[in-house]
Amino acid sequence: MKLVRGLLVSKEPRHLRELATDYSLSPSGVSDILRRLGVLGVLEEAKIKNRRCFSISLPDDEAEVLSQFFRVYEARSLEERAGRLSKGAYERLSAMDEMFSFYATVKEGEE
């Protein structure tokens, strides 16, 4: 999904290896995604200085709908991650509270 979004918002066509590096994917993985986009008929290929570069070609209204989808997807993904972090932070603070209480109890017993 990140690769498709990257192609969608990119101003310039992108080379396969550049996409692989930018999205931490293998070149063969990127090639597979590009092949699938080609089958859908939304991939454009251009030759730039002996390199095959790719971009997504959609009508403006479809590109806008897809952009909105990615915005919603990213917002939900961030909410989900924030929820997991909040739960983890709460659990860590609870554990710290327990450790502090234990320490305070031990300290009181020494006095």
PDB file of N, CA and C in Angstrom:
ATOM      1  N   MET A   1       0.826  -1.183   0.000  1.00  0.00           N
ATOM      2  CA  MET A   1       0.000   0.000   0.000  1.00  0.00           C
ATOM      3  C   MET A   1       0.877   1.256   0.000  1.00  0.00           C
ATOM      4  N   LYS A   2       1.966   1.214   0.760  1.00  0.00           N
ATOM      5  CA  LYS A   2       2.842   2.381   0.807  1.00  0.00           C
ATOM      6  C   LYS A   2       3.459   2.664  -0.556  1.00  0.00           C
ATOM      7  N   LEU A   3       3.845   1.611  -1.251  1.00  0.00           N
ATOM      8  CA  LEU A   3       4.447   1.778  -2.570  1.00  0.00           C
ATOM      9  C   LEU A   3       3.439   2.373  -3.550  1.00  0.00           C
ATOM     10  N   VAL A   4       2.213   1.877  -3.547  1.00  0.00           N
ATOM     11  CA  VAL A   4       1.184   2.410  -4.449  1.00  0.00           C
ATOM     12  C   VAL A   4       0.924   3.872  -4.130  1.00  0.00           C
ATOM     13  N   ARG A   5       0.829   4.204  -2.842  1.00  0.00           N
ATOM     14  CA  ARG A   5       0.619   5.602  -2.455  1.00  0.00           C
ATOM     15  C   ARG A   5       1.799   6.460  -2.900  1.00  0.00           C
ATOM     16  N   GLY A   6       3.010   5.944  -2.724  1.00  0.00           N
ATOM     17  CA  GLY A   6       4.196   6.682  -3.150  1.00  0.00           C
ATOM     18  C   GLY A   6       4.194   6.968  -4.641  1.00  0.00           C
ATOM     19  N   LEU A   7       3.804   5.978  -5.425  1.00  0.00           N
ATOM     20  CA  LEU A   7       3.706   6.187  -6.874  1.00  0.00           C
ATOM     21  C   LEU A   7       2.611   7.199  -7.205  1.00  0.00           C
ATOM     22  N   LEU A   8       1.528   7.139  -6.465  1.00  0.00           N
ATOM     23  CA  LEU A   8       0.391   8.022  -6.722  1.00  0.00           C
ATOM     24  C   LEU A   8       0.749   9.486  -6.479  1.00  0.00           C
ATOM     25  N   VAL A   9       1.485   9.765  -5.416  1.00  0.00           N
ATOM     26  CA  VAL A   9       1.782  11.159  -5.063  1.00  0.00           C
ATOM     27  C   VAL A   9       3.078  11.673  -5.673  1.00  0.00           C
ATOM     28  N   SER A  10       3.874  10.776  -6.247  1.00  0.00           N
ATOM     29  CA  SER A  10       5.154  11.182  -6.822  1.00  0.00           C
ATOM     30  C   SER A  10       4.960  12.080  -8.036  1.00  0.00           C
ATOM     31  N   LYS A  11       5.754  13.125  -8.100  1.00  0.00           N
ATOM     32  CA  LYS A  11       5.703  14.054  -9.237  1.00  0.00           C
ATOM     33  C   LYS A  11       6.417  13.486 -10.461  1.00  0.00           C
ATOM     34  N   GLU A  12       7.391  12.621 -10.227  1.00  0.00           N
ATOM     35  CA  GLU A  12       8.206  12.061 -11.298  1.00  0.00           C
ATOM     36  C   GLU A  12       8.075  10.550 -11.316  1.00  0.00           C
ATOM     37  N   PRO A  13       8.253   9.921 -12.469  1.00  0.00           N
ATOM     38  CA  PRO A  13       8.300   8.462 -12.525  1.00  0.00           C
ATOM     39  C   PRO A  13       9.455   7.950 -11.668  1.00  0.00           C
ATOM     40  N   ARG A  14       9.298   6.774 -11.081  1.00  0.00           N
ATOM     41  CA  ARG A  14      10.294   6.232 -10.152  1.00  0.00           C
ATOM     42  C   ARG A  14      10.869   4.924 -10.692  1.00  0.00           C
ATOM     43  N   HIS A  15      12.155   4.729 -10.459  1.00  0.00           N
ATOM     44  CA  HIS A  15      12.866   3.520 -10.884  1.00  0.00           C
ATOM     45  C   HIS A  15      12.610   2.394  -9.876  1.00  0.00           C
ATOM     46  N   LEU A  16      12.596   1.171 -10.361  1.00  0.00           N
ATOM     47  CA  LEU A  16      12.321  -0.001  -9.542  1.00  0.00           C
ATOM     48  C   LEU A  16      13.226  -0.080  -8.309  1.00  0.00           C
ATOM     49  N   ARG A  17      14.509   0.059  -8.488  1.00  0.00           N
ATOM     50  CA  ARG A  17      15.436  -0.060  -7.346  1.00  0.00           C
ATOM     51  C   ARG A  17      15.240   1.083  -6.353  1.00  0.00           C
ATOM     52  N   GLU A  18      14.918   2.258  -6.847  1.00  0.00           N
ATOM     53  CA  GLU A  18      14.630   3.397  -5.976  1.00  0.00           C
ATOM     54  C   GLU A  18      13.398   3.085  -5.111  1.00  0.00           C
ATOM     55  N   LEU A  19      12.382   2.524  -5.728  1.00  0.00           N
ATOM     56  CA  LEU A  19      11.175   2.139  -4.985  1.00  0.00           C
ATOM     57  C   LEU A  19      11.501   1.067  -3.946  1.00  0.00           C
ATOM     58  N   ALA A  20      12.306   0.092  -4.334  1.00  0.00           N
ATOM     59  CA  ALA A  20      12.679  -0.975  -3.412  1.00  0.00           C
ATOM     60  C   ALA A  20      13.400  -0.409  -2.190  1.00  0.00           C
ATOM     61  N   THR A  21      14.322   0.507  -2.426  1.00  0.00           N
ATOM     62  CA  THR A  21      15.068   1.115  -1.330  1.00  0.00           C
ATOM     63  C   THR A  21      14.162   1.973  -0.448  1.00  0.00           C
ATOM     64  N   ASP A  22      13.359   2.822  -1.076  1.00  0.00           N
ATOM     65  CA  ASP A  22      12.509   3.744  -0.323  1.00  0.00           C
ATOM     66  C   ASP A  22      11.466   3.039   0.536  1.00  0.00           C
ATOM     67  N   TYR A  23      10.995   1.885   0.085  1.00  0.00           N
ATOM     68  CA  TYR A  23       9.921   1.201   0.813  1.00  0.00           C
ATOM     69  C   TYR A  23      10.372  -0.107   1.447  1.00  0.00           C
ATOM     70  N   SER A  24      11.679  -0.295   1.546  1.00  0.00           N
ATOM     71  CA  SER A  24      12.265  -1.473   2.204  1.00  0.00           C
ATOM     72  C   SER A  24      11.678  -2.775   1.667  1.00  0.00           C
ATOM     73  N   LEU A  25      11.631  -2.862   0.362  1.00  0.00           N
ATOM     74  CA  LEU A  25      11.139  -4.067  -0.303  1.00  0.00           C
ATOM     75  C   LEU A  25      12.243  -4.628  -1.180  1.00  0.00           C
ATOM     76  N   SER A  26      12.131  -5.889  -1.523  1.00  0.00           N
ATOM     77  CA  SER A  26      13.096  -6.475  -2.455  1.00  0.00           C
ATOM     78  C   SER A  26      12.743  -6.022  -3.868  1.00  0.00           C
ATOM     79  N   PRO A  27      13.735  -5.913  -4.748  1.00  0.00           N
ATOM     80  CA  PRO A  27      13.430  -5.558  -6.142  1.00  0.00           C
ATOM     81  C   PRO A  27      12.411  -6.514  -6.767  1.00  0.00           C
ATOM     82  N   SER A  28      12.494  -7.806  -6.432  1.00  0.00           N
ATOM     83  CA  SER A  28      11.523  -8.741  -7.001  1.00  0.00           C
ATOM     84  C   SER A  28      10.122  -8.492  -6.448  1.00  0.00           C
ATOM     85  N   GLY A  29      10.029  -8.072  -5.182  1.00  0.00           N
ATOM     86  CA  GLY A  29       8.730  -7.730  -4.602  1.00  0.00           C
ATOM     87  C   GLY A  29       8.125  -6.520  -5.281  1.00  0.00           C
ATOM     88  N   VAL A  30       8.959  -5.512  -5.531  1.00  0.00           N
ATOM     89  CA  VAL A  30       8.494  -4.315  -6.235  1.00  0.00           C
ATOM     90  C   VAL A  30       8.076  -4.681  -7.652  1.00  0.00           C
ATOM     91  N   SER A  31       8.873  -5.525  -8.299  1.00  0.00           N
ATOM     92  CA  SER A  31       8.555  -5.956  -9.653  1.00  0.00           C
ATOM     93  C   SER A  31       7.198  -6.651  -9.702  1.00  0.00           C
ATOM     94  N   ASP A  32       6.907  -7.468  -8.701  1.00  0.00           N
ATOM     95  CA  ASP A  32       5.623  -8.166  -8.639  1.00  0.00           C
ATOM     96  C   ASP A  32       4.468  -7.165  -8.483  1.00  0.00           C
ATOM     97  N   ILE A  33       4.644  -6.189  -7.618  1.00  0.00           N
ATOM     98  CA  ILE A  33       3.606  -5.166  -7.428  1.00  0.00           C
ATOM     99  C   ILE A  33       3.395  -4.387  -8.718  1.00  0.00           C
ATOM    100  N   LEU A  34       4.489  -4.014  -9.377  1.00  0.00           N
ATOM    101  CA  LEU A  34       4.389  -3.276 -10.640  1.00  0.00           C
ATOM    102  C   LEU A  34       3.693  -4.109 -11.714  1.00  0.00           C
ATOM    103  N   ARG A  35       3.994  -5.401 -11.737  1.00  0.00           N
ATOM    104  CA  ARG A  35       3.345  -6.295 -12.705  1.00  0.00           C
ATOM    105  C   ARG A  35       1.838  -6.305 -12.465  1.00  0.00           C
ATOM    106  N   ARG A  36       1.445  -6.392 -11.212  1.00  0.00           N
ATOM    107  CA  ARG A  36       0.016  -6.414 -10.885  1.00  0.00           C
ATOM    108  C   ARG A  36      -0.663  -5.099 -11.255  1.00  0.00           C
ATOM    109  N   LEU A  37       0.028  -3.984 -11.029  1.00  0.00           N
ATOM    110  CA  LEU A  37      -0.530  -2.688 -11.427  1.00  0.00           C
ATOM    111  C   LEU A  37      -0.651  -2.601 -12.943  1.00  0.00           C
ATOM    112  N   GLY A  38       0.317  -3.206 -13.645  1.00  0.00           N
ATOM    113  CA  GLY A  38       0.257  -3.241 -15.102  1.00  0.00           C
ATOM    114  C   GLY A  38      -0.939  -4.026 -15.601  1.00  0.00           C
ATOM    115  N   VAL A  39      -1.224  -5.154 -14.949  1.00  0.00           N
ATOM    116  CA  VAL A  39      -2.383  -5.968 -15.321  1.00  0.00           C
ATOM    117  C   VAL A  39      -3.666  -5.166 -15.128  1.00  0.00           C
ATOM    118  N   LEU A  40      -3.706  -4.327 -14.089  1.00  0.00           N
ATOM    119  CA  LEU A  40      -4.887  -3.487 -13.846  1.00  0.00           C
ATOM    120  C   LEU A  40      -4.997  -2.337 -14.847  1.00  0.00           C
ATOM    121  N   GLY A  41      -3.902  -2.083 -15.565  1.00  0.00           N
ATOM    122  CA  GLY A  41      -3.915  -1.021 -16.565  1.00  0.00           C
ATOM    123  C   GLY A  41      -3.708   0.370 -16.013  1.00  0.00           C
ATOM    124  N   VAL A  42      -3.119   0.469 -14.801  1.00  0.00           N
ATOM    125  CA  VAL A  42      -2.919   1.796 -14.204  1.00  0.00           C
ATOM    126  C   VAL A  42      -1.447   2.198 -14.153  1.00  0.00           C
ATOM    127  N   LEU A  43      -0.567   1.345 -14.644  1.00  0.00           N
ATOM    128  CA  LEU A  43       0.863   1.621 -14.578  1.00  0.00           C
ATOM    129  C   LEU A  43       1.363   2.192 -15.891  1.00  0.00           C
ATOM    130  N   GLU A  44       2.120   3.272 -15.788  1.00  0.00           N
ATOM    131  CA  GLU A  44       2.790   3.836 -16.960  1.00  0.00           C
ATOM    132  C   GLU A  44       4.279   3.593 -16.811  1.00  0.00           C
ATOM    133  N   GLU A  45       4.901   3.275 -17.922  1.00  0.00           N
ATOM    134  CA  GLU A  45       6.334   3.031 -17.928  1.00  0.00           C
ATOM    135  C   GLU A  45       6.987   4.020 -18.875  1.00  0.00           C
ATOM    136  N   ALA A  46       8.106   4.588 -18.428  1.00  0.00           N
ATOM    137  CA  ALA A  46       8.840   5.540 -19.265  1.00  0.00           C
ATOM    138  C   ALA A  46      10.326   5.191 -19.191  1.00  0.00           C
ATOM    139  N   LYS A  47      11.032   5.438 -20.276  1.00  0.00           N
ATOM    140  CA  LYS A  47      12.468   5.204 -20.285  1.00  0.00           C
ATOM    141  C   LYS A  47      13.148   6.553 -20.073  1.00  0.00           C
ATOM    142  N   ILE A  48      13.912   6.643 -18.992  1.00  0.00           N
ATOM    143  CA  ILE A  48      14.621   7.876 -18.655  1.00  0.00           C
ATOM    144  C   ILE A  48      16.088   7.518 -18.457  1.00  0.00           C
ATOM    145  N   LYS A  49      16.940   8.013 -19.368  1.00  0.00           N
ATOM    146  CA  LYS A  49      18.385   7.756 -19.303  1.00  0.00           C
ATOM    147  C   LYS A  49      18.693   6.265 -19.109  1.00  0.00           C
ATOM    148  N   ASN A  50      18.245   5.445 -19.975  1.00  0.00           N
ATOM    149  CA  ASN A  50      18.501   4.001 -19.946  1.00  0.00           C
ATOM    150  C   ASN A  50      17.877   3.280 -18.750  1.00  0.00           C
ATOM    151  N   ARG A  51      16.967   3.929 -18.061  1.00  0.00           N
ATOM    152  CA  ARG A  51      16.305   3.305 -16.911  1.00  0.00           C
ATOM    153  C   ARG A  51      14.807   3.258 -17.153  1.00  0.00           C
ATOM    154  N   ARG A  52      14.209   2.148 -16.802  1.00  0.00           N
ATOM    155  CA  ARG A  52      12.749   2.046 -16.874  1.00  0.00           C
ATOM    156  C   ARG A  52      12.178   2.614 -15.582  1.00  0.00           C
ATOM    157  N   CYS A  53      11.327   3.603 -15.720  1.00  0.00           N
ATOM    158  CA  CYS A  53      10.725   4.250 -14.564  1.00  0.00           C
ATOM    159  C   CYS A  53       9.210   4.113 -14.647  1.00  0.00           C
ATOM    160  N   PHE A  54       8.575   4.140 -13.484  1.00  0.00           N
ATOM    161  CA  PHE A  54       7.154   3.831 -13.417  1.00  0.00           C
ATOM    162  C   PHE A  54       6.378   4.909 -12.676  1.00  0.00           C
ATOM    163  N   SER A  55       5.132   5.052 -13.084  1.00  0.00           N
ATOM    164  CA  SER A  55       4.207   5.946 -12.394  1.00  0.00           C
ATOM    165  C   SER A  55       2.803   5.372 -12.534  1.00  0.00           C
ATOM    166  N   ILE A  56       1.897   5.871 -11.716  1.00  0.00           N
ATOM    167  CA  ILE A  56       0.509   5.430 -11.797  1.00  0.00           C
ATOM    168  C   ILE A  56      -0.257   6.465 -12.604  1.00  0.00           C
ATOM    169  N   SER A  57      -1.062   5.984 -13.512  1.00  0.00           N
ATOM    170  CA  SER A  57      -1.867   6.858 -14.360  1.00  0.00           C
ATOM    171  C   SER A  57      -3.346   6.558 -14.105  1.00  0.00           C
ATOM    172  N   LEU A  58      -4.013   7.512 -13.480  1.00  0.00           N
ATOM    173  CA  LEU A  58      -5.441   7.394 -13.204  1.00  0.00           C
ATOM    174  C   LEU A  58      -6.135   8.693 -13.579  1.00  0.00           C
ATOM    175  N   PRO A  59      -7.393   8.624 -13.939  1.00  0.00           N
ATOM    176  CA  PRO A  59      -8.150   9.868 -14.118  1.00  0.00           C
ATOM    177  C   PRO A  59      -8.171  10.641 -12.794  1.00  0.00           C
ATOM    178  N   ASP A  60      -8.267  11.959 -12.863  1.00  0.00           N
ATOM    179  CA  ASP A  60      -8.192  12.789 -11.656  1.00  0.00           C
ATOM    180  C   ASP A  60      -9.182  12.372 -10.574  1.00  0.00           C
ATOM    181  N   ASP A  61     -10.418  12.062 -10.968  1.00  0.00           N
ATOM    182  CA  ASP A  61     -11.417  11.701  -9.956  1.00  0.00           C
ATOM    183  C   ASP A  61     -11.056  10.384  -9.255  1.00  0.00           C
ATOM    184  N   GLU A  62     -10.519   9.425  -9.986  1.00  0.00           N
ATOM    185  CA  GLU A  62     -10.104   8.151  -9.376  1.00  0.00           C
ATOM    186  C   GLU A  62      -8.874   8.349  -8.492  1.00  0.00           C
ATOM    187  N   ALA A  63      -7.948   9.185  -8.941  1.00  0.00           N
ATOM    188  CA  ALA A  63      -6.752   9.464  -8.138  1.00  0.00           C
ATOM    189  C   ALA A  63      -7.151  10.137  -6.826  1.00  0.00           C
ATOM    190  N   GLU A  64      -8.135  11.018  -6.875  1.00  0.00           N
ATOM    191  CA  GLU A  64      -8.604  11.692  -5.657  1.00  0.00           C
ATOM    192  C   GLU A  64      -9.258  10.704  -4.702  1.00  0.00           C
ATOM    193  N   VAL A  65     -10.075   9.799  -5.226  1.00  0.00           N
ATOM    194  CA  VAL A  65     -10.713   8.783  -4.382  1.00  0.00           C
ATOM    195  C   VAL A  65      -9.644   7.903  -3.733  1.00  0.00           C
ATOM    196  N   LEU A  66      -8.652   7.496  -4.499  1.00  0.00           N
ATOM    197  CA  LEU A  66      -7.584   6.666  -3.961  1.00  0.00           C
ATOM    198  C   LEU A  66      -6.775   7.436  -2.913  1.00  0.00           C
ATOM    199  N   SER A  67      -6.528   8.712  -3.151  1.00  0.00           N
ATOM    200  CA  SER A  67      -5.819   9.544  -2.168  1.00  0.00           C
ATOM    201  C   SER A  67      -6.609   9.640  -0.867  1.00  0.00           C
ATOM    202  N   GLN A  68      -7.927   9.810  -0.976  1.00  0.00           N
ATOM    203  CA  GLN A  68      -8.773   9.858   0.219  1.00  0.00           C
ATOM    204  C   GLN A  68      -8.714   8.533   0.972  1.00  0.00           C
ATOM    205  N   PHE A  69      -8.740   7.435   0.226  1.00  0.00           N
ATOM    206  CA  PHE A  69      -8.623   6.118   0.851  1.00  0.00           C
ATOM    207  C   PHE A  69      -7.337   6.028   1.659  1.00  0.00           C
ATOM    208  N   PHE A  70      -6.225   6.468   1.067  1.00  0.00           N
ATOM    209  CA  PHE A  70      -4.949   6.397   1.776  1.00  0.00           C
ATOM    210  C   PHE A  70      -4.947   7.292   3.008  1.00  0.00           C
ATOM    211  N   ARG A  71      -5.567   8.454   2.944  1.00  0.00           N
ATOM    212  CA  ARG A  71      -5.650   9.326   4.118  1.00  0.00           C
ATOM    213  C   ARG A  71      -6.415   8.637   5.246  1.00  0.00           C
ATOM    214  N   VAL A  72      -7.540   8.014   4.918  1.00  0.00           N
ATOM    215  CA  VAL A  72      -8.331   7.303   5.932  1.00  0.00           C
ATOM    216  C   VAL A  72      -7.535   6.119   6.482  1.00  0.00           C
ATOM    217  N   TYR A  73      -6.905   5.365   5.595  1.00  0.00           N
ATOM    218  CA  TYR A  73      -6.113   4.212   6.012  1.00  0.00           C
ATOM    219  C   TYR A  73      -4.995   4.644   6.969  1.00  0.00           C
ATOM    220  N   GLU A  74      -4.283   5.713   6.628  1.00  0.00           N
ATOM    221  CA  GLU A  74      -3.184   6.184   7.476  1.00  0.00           C
ATOM    222  C   GLU A  74      -3.695   6.696   8.811  1.00  0.00           C
ATOM    223  N   ALA A  75      -4.827   7.410   8.807  1.00  0.00           N
ATOM    224  CA  ALA A  75      -5.397   7.911  10.060  1.00  0.00           C
ATOM    225  C   ALA A  75      -5.773   6.746  10.971  1.00  0.00           C
ATOM    226  N   ARG A  76      -6.419   5.742  10.414  1.00  0.00           N
ATOM    227  CA  ARG A  76      -6.800   4.570  11.222  1.00  0.00           C
ATOM    228  C   ARG A  76      -5.577   3.814  11.710  1.00  0.00           C
ATOM    229  N   SER A  77      -4.584   3.711  10.855  1.00  0.00           N
ATOM    230  CA  SER A  77      -3.360   3.028  11.245  1.00  0.00           C
ATOM    231  C   SER A  77      -2.684   3.765  12.397  1.00  0.00           C
ATOM    232  N   LEU A  78      -2.648   5.096  12.316  1.00  0.00           N
ATOM    233  CA  LEU A  78      -2.056   5.888  13.402  1.00  0.00           C
ATOM    234  C   LEU A  78      -2.854   5.745  14.682  1.00  0.00           C
ATOM    235  N   GLU A  79      -4.183   5.758  14.583  1.00  0.00           N
ATOM    236  CA  GLU A  79      -5.027   5.583  15.768  1.00  0.00           C
ATOM    237  C   GLU A  79      -4.768   4.226  16.417  1.00  0.00           C
ATOM    238  N   GLU A  80      -4.675   3.200  15.593  1.00  0.00           N
ATOM    239  CA  GLU A  80      -4.429   1.859  16.106  1.00  0.00           C
ATOM    240  C   GLU A  80      -3.078   1.783  16.796  1.00  0.00           C
ATOM    241  N   ARG A  81      -2.049   2.349  16.148  1.00  0.00           N
ATOM    242  CA  ARG A  81      -0.715   2.349  16.753  1.00  0.00           C
ATOM    243  C   ARG A  81      -0.698   3.149  18.038  1.00  0.00           C
ATOM    244  N   ALA A  82      -1.388   4.288  18.067  1.00  0.00           N
ATOM    245  CA  ALA A  82      -1.450   5.112  19.279  1.00  0.00           C
ATOM    246  C   ALA A  82      -2.140   4.342  20.398  1.00  0.00           C
ATOM    247  N   GLY A  83      -3.185   3.600  20.042  1.00  0.00           N
ATOM    248  CA  GLY A  83      -3.874   2.787  21.037  1.00  0.00           C
ATOM    249  C   GLY A  83      -2.964   1.736  21.636  1.00  0.00           C
ATOM    250  N   ARG A  84      -2.172   1.087  20.792  1.00  0.00           N
ATOM    251  CA  ARG A  84      -1.228   0.080  21.289  1.00  0.00           C
ATOM    252  C   ARG A  84      -0.168   0.730  22.154  1.00  0.00           C
ATOM    253  N   LEU A  85       0.322   1.901  21.739  1.00  0.00           N
ATOM    254  CA  LEU A  85       1.342   2.587  22.525  1.00  0.00           C
ATOM    255  C   LEU A  85       0.771   3.036  23.861  1.00  0.00           C
ATOM    256  N   SER A  86      -0.459   3.544  23.842  1.00  0.00           N
ATOM    257  CA  SER A  86      -1.076   3.999  25.080  1.00  0.00           C
ATOM    258  C   SER A  86      -1.225   2.847  26.060  1.00  0.00           C
ATOM    259  N   LYS A  87      -1.669   1.703  25.555  1.00  0.00           N
ATOM    260  CA  LYS A  87      -1.820   0.522  26.407  1.00  0.00           C
ATOM    261  C   LYS A  87      -0.460   0.115  26.963  1.00  0.00           C
ATOM    262  N   GLY A  88       0.549   0.110  26.099  1.00  0.00           N
ATOM    263  CA  GLY A  88       1.892  -0.249  26.542  1.00  0.00           C
ATOM    264  C   GLY A  88       2.437   0.734  27.561  1.00  0.00           C
ATOM    265  N   ALA A  89       2.168   2.033  27.345  1.00  0.00           N
ATOM    266  CA  ALA A  89       2.625   3.044  28.290  1.00  0.00           C
ATOM    267  C   ALA A  89       1.937   2.851  29.639  1.00  0.00           C
ATOM    268  N   TYR A  90       0.641   2.551  29.612  1.00  0.00           N
ATOM    269  CA  TYR A  90      -0.100   2.326  30.845  1.00  0.00           C
ATOM    270  C   TYR A  90       0.469   1.123  31.593  1.00  0.00           C
ATOM    271  N   GLU A  91       0.754   0.054  30.865  1.00  0.00           N
ATOM    272  CA  GLU A  91       1.312  -1.140  31.492  1.00  0.00           C
ATOM    273  C   GLU A  91       2.686  -0.860  32.093  1.00  0.00           C
ATOM    274  N   ARG A  92       3.503  -0.078  31.399  1.00  0.00           N
ATOM    275  CA  ARG A  92       4.831   0.257  31.936  1.00  0.00           C
ATOM    276  C   ARG A  92       4.712   1.122  33.181  1.00  0.00           C
ATOM    277  N   LEU A  93       3.791   2.099  33.145  1.00  0.00           N
ATOM    278  CA  LEU A  93       3.606   2.953  34.322  1.00  0.00           C
ATOM    279  C   LEU A  93       3.077   2.142  35.500  1.00  0.00           C
ATOM    280  N   SER A  94       2.178   1.202  35.238  1.00  0.00           N
ATOM    281  CA  SER A  94       1.661   0.338  36.312  1.00  0.00           C
ATOM    282  C   SER A  94       2.784  -0.482  36.919  1.00  0.00           C
ATOM    283  N   ALA A  95       3.642  -1.030  36.081  1.00  0.00           N
ATOM    284  CA  ALA A  95       4.774  -1.817  36.574  1.00  0.00           C
ATOM    285  C   ALA A  95       5.711  -0.943  37.396  1.00  0.00           C
ATOM    286  N   MET A  96       5.939   0.284  36.945  1.00  0.00           N
ATOM    287  CA  MET A  96       6.799   1.204  37.696  1.00  0.00           C
ATOM    288  C   MET A  96       6.166   1.536  39.049  1.00  0.00           C
ATOM    289  N   ASP A  97       4.854   1.732  39.059  1.00  0.00           N
ATOM    290  CA  ASP A  97       4.141   1.989  40.314  1.00  0.00           C
ATOM    291  C   ASP A  97       4.316   0.840  41.292  1.00  0.00           C
ATOM    292  N   GLU A  98       4.172  -0.382  40.791  1.00  0.00           N
ATOM    293  CA  GLU A  98       4.332  -1.561  41.641  1.00  0.00           C
ATOM    294  C   GLU A  98       5.747  -1.631  42.204  1.00  0.00           C
ATOM    295  N   MET A  99       6.742  -1.347  41.341  1.00  0.00           N
ATOM    296  CA  MET A  99       8.128  -1.375  41.804  1.00  0.00           C
ATOM    297  C   MET A  99       8.365  -0.300  42.858  1.00  0.00           C
ATOM    298  N   PHE A 100       7.817   0.887  42.651  1.00  0.00           N
ATOM    299  CA  PHE A 100       7.992   1.973  43.615  1.00  0.00           C
ATOM    300  C   PHE A 100       7.333   1.606  44.938  1.00  0.00           C
ATOM    301  N   SER A 101       6.112   1.044  44.876  1.00  0.00           N
ATOM    302  CA  SER A 101       5.414   0.637  46.105  1.00  0.00           C
ATOM    303  C   SER A 101       6.216  -0.418  46.858  1.00  0.00           C
ATOM    304  N   PHE A 102       6.750  -1.397  46.109  1.00  0.00           N
ATOM    305  CA  PHE A 102       7.563  -2.435  46.725  1.00  0.00           C
ATOM    306  C   PHE A 102       8.798  -1.817  47.384  1.00  0.00           C
ATOM    307  N   TYR A 103       9.456  -0.922  46.682  1.00  0.00           N
ATOM    308  CA  TYR A 103      10.649  -0.257  47.208  1.00  0.00           C
ATOM    309  C   TYR A 103      10.304   0.528  48.473  1.00  0.00           C
ATOM    310  N   ALA A 104       9.177   1.273  48.429  1.00  0.00           N
ATOM    311  CA  ALA A 104       8.761   2.064  49.597  1.00  0.00           C
ATOM    312  C   ALA A 104       8.471   1.150  50.780  1.00  0.00           C
ATOM    313  N   THR A 105       7.827  -0.001  50.543  1.00  0.00           N
ATOM    314  CA  THR A 105       7.511  -0.950  51.610  1.00  0.00           C
ATOM    315  C   THR A 105       8.792  -1.515  52.222  1.00  0.00           C
ATOM    316  N   VAL A 106       9.738  -1.875  51.365  1.00  0.00           N
ATOM    317  CA  VAL A 106      11.023  -2.404  51.849  1.00  0.00           C
ATOM    318  C   VAL A 106      11.748  -1.332  52.646  1.00  0.00           C
ATOM    319  N   LYS A 107      11.743  -0.117  52.164  1.00  0.00           N
ATOM    320  CA  LYS A 107      12.439   0.979  52.855  1.00  0.00           C
ATOM    321  C   LYS A 107      11.826   1.206  54.231  1.00  0.00           C
ATOM    322  N   GLU A 108      10.475   1.173  54.316  1.00  0.00           N
ATOM    323  CA  GLU A 108       9.792   1.369  55.603  1.00  0.00           C
ATOM    324  C   GLU A 108      10.158   0.271  56.570  1.00  0.00           C
ATOM    325  N   GLY A 109      10.297  -0.944  56.075  1.00  0.00           N
ATOM    326  CA  GLY A 109      10.656  -2.084  56.935  1.00  0.00           C
ATOM    327  C   GLY A 109      12.049  -1.971  57.489  1.00  0.00           C
ATOM    328  N   GLU A 110      12.944  -1.265  56.763  1.00  0.00           N
ATOM    329  CA  GLU A 110      14.326  -1.108  57.225  1.00  0.00           C
ATOM    330  C   GLU A 110      14.420  -0.070  58.324  1.00  0.00           C
ATOM    331  N   GLU A 111      13.492   0.847  58.396  1.00  0.00           N
ATOM    332  CA  GLU A 111      13.578   1.950  59.362  1.00  0.00           C
ATOM    333  C   GLU A 111      13.124   1.584  60.701  1.00  0.00           C
TER     334      GLU A 111
END
